[in-house]
Amino acid sequence: MKSVSVGKILFYIYLGVLAALAVFFCIFLQQTYREYTTLKQRQAQYERQLEQAEQELAYKKHYYENLLNNPEFVERVVRQKLGYARPGEILFRFERED
């Protein structure tokens, strides 16, 4: 029977431990990378939602300013949304057949 030196046994043990650590860190890095990509996708989605909300806010601010400062705009909105008319005007309303 051949005798194996203690140095070779320790070398193979260290090599096995090193391989196990390499596998562990590869799995850990893969999971971390998946989480990172998921978070980047969420960030992009939230940025799109924020941009849409900012556009909507700008539109509503403009609409509000027109309601406060533009009497012609107010009249048009009241006529369209509430169906008001001036005295003596006749309104025709048509119902849609959907």
Protein backbone atom coordinates (compact mmCIF):
# COMPACT_ATOMS: atom_id res chain seq x y z
CA MET A 1 0.00 0.00 0.00
CA LYS A 2 1.30 3.40 -0.91
CA SER A 3 1.64 5.96 1.76
CA VAL A 4 0.19 9.34 1.02
CA SER A 5 1.98 12.23 2.60
CA VAL A 6 0.21 14.54 4.98
CA GLY A 7 1.05 17.49 2.73
CA LYS A 8 -0.88 15.98 -0.20
CA ILE A 9 -3.88 15.23 2.02
CA LEU A 10 -3.91 18.82 3.32
CA PHE A 11 -3.52 20.12 -0.23
CA TYR A 12 -6.58 18.17 -1.39
CA ILE A 13 -8.58 19.26 1.65
CA TYR A 14 -7.72 22.91 0.99
CA LEU A 15 -8.52 22.43 -2.68
CA GLY A 16 -11.93 20.93 -1.78
CA VAL A 17 -12.69 23.75 0.66
CA LEU A 18 -11.65 26.32 -1.92
CA ALA A 19 -13.88 24.70 -4.56
CA ALA A 20 -16.82 24.64 -2.11
CA LEU A 21 -16.27 28.32 -1.30
CA ALA A 22 -16.09 29.17 -5.01
CA VAL A 23 -19.40 27.39 -5.65
CA PHE A 24 -21.00 29.14 -2.65
CA PHE A 25 -19.85 32.58 -3.81
CA CYS A 26 -20.99 31.91 -7.39
CA ILE A 27 -24.47 31.00 -6.15
CA PHE A 28 -24.50 34.02 -3.84
CA LEU A 29 -23.41 36.37 -6.63
CA GLN A 30 -25.99 34.92 -9.00
CA GLN A 31 -28.79 35.53 -6.50
CA THR A 32 -27.51 39.03 -5.84
CA TYR A 33 -27.40 39.76 -9.56
CA ARG A 34 -31.00 38.55 -9.96
CA GLU A 35 -32.12 40.83 -7.14
CA TYR A 36 -30.19 43.70 -8.71
CA THR A 37 -31.87 43.24 -12.11
CA THR A 38 -35.28 42.97 -10.44
CA LEU A 39 -34.68 46.20 -8.55
CA LYS A 40 -33.50 47.95 -11.71
CA GLN A 41 -36.70 46.90 -13.48
CA ARG A 42 -38.80 48.19 -10.60
CA GLN A 43 -36.86 51.45 -10.61
CA ALA A 44 -37.52 51.90 -14.33
CA GLN A 45 -41.22 51.15 -13.79
CA TYR A 46 -41.44 53.64 -10.91
CA GLU A 47 -39.65 56.28 -12.96
CA ARG A 48 -42.19 55.82 -15.78
CA GLN A 49 -45.05 56.11 -13.28
CA LEU A 50 -43.46 59.23 -11.79
CA GLU A 51 -43.10 60.79 -15.23
CA GLN A 52 -46.75 60.06 -16.02
CA ALA A 53 -47.84 61.52 -12.69
CA GLU A 54 -45.76 64.65 -13.30
CA GLN A 55 -47.31 65.07 -16.75
CA GLU A 56 -50.78 64.65 -15.29
CA LEU A 57 -49.98 67.17 -12.57
CA ALA A 58 -48.73 69.70 -15.13
CA TYR A 59 -51.92 69.21 -17.16
CA LYS A 60 -54.13 69.68 -14.10
CA LYS A 61 -52.21 72.79 -13.02
CA HIS A 62 -52.70 74.25 -16.49
CA TYR A 63 -56.40 73.35 -16.41
CA TYR A 64 -56.76 74.90 -12.94
CA GLU A 65 -54.98 78.10 -14.04
CA ASN A 66 -57.32 78.35 -17.03
CA LEU A 67 -60.32 77.92 -14.75
CA LEU A 68 -59.09 80.75 -12.55
CA ASN A 69 -57.91 83.18 -15.21
CA ASN A 70 -59.71 82.47 -18.49
CA PRO A 71 -63.44 83.26 -18.53
CA GLU A 72 -63.88 81.87 -22.05
CA PHE A 73 -62.41 78.56 -20.94
CA VAL A 74 -64.71 78.49 -17.90
CA GLU A 75 -67.74 79.12 -20.10
CA ARG A 76 -66.74 76.36 -22.50
CA VAL A 77 -66.18 73.89 -19.65
CA VAL A 78 -69.52 74.75 -18.03
CA ARG A 79 -71.32 74.35 -21.34
CA GLN A 80 -69.64 71.05 -22.17
CA LYS A 81 -69.63 69.36 -18.78
CA LEU A 82 -72.82 70.72 -17.24
CA GLY A 83 -74.87 71.39 -20.35
CA TYR A 84 -75.61 75.01 -19.47
CA ALA A 85 -76.84 77.50 -22.05
CA ARG A 86 -77.36 81.21 -22.19
CA PRO A 87 -80.88 82.56 -21.94
CA GLY A 88 -82.63 82.23 -25.26
CA GLU A 89 -80.31 79.52 -26.62
CA ILE A 90 -81.65 76.16 -27.65
CA LEU A 91 -79.60 73.05 -26.96
CA PHE A 92 -79.88 69.95 -29.03
CA ARG A 93 -78.75 66.73 -27.38
CA PHE A 94 -78.27 63.56 -29.32
CA GLU A 95 -78.04 60.20 -27.65
CA ARG A 96 -75.54 57.70 -28.94
CA GLU A 97 -76.61 54.27 -30.00
CA ASP A 98 -73.77 52.04 -28.82
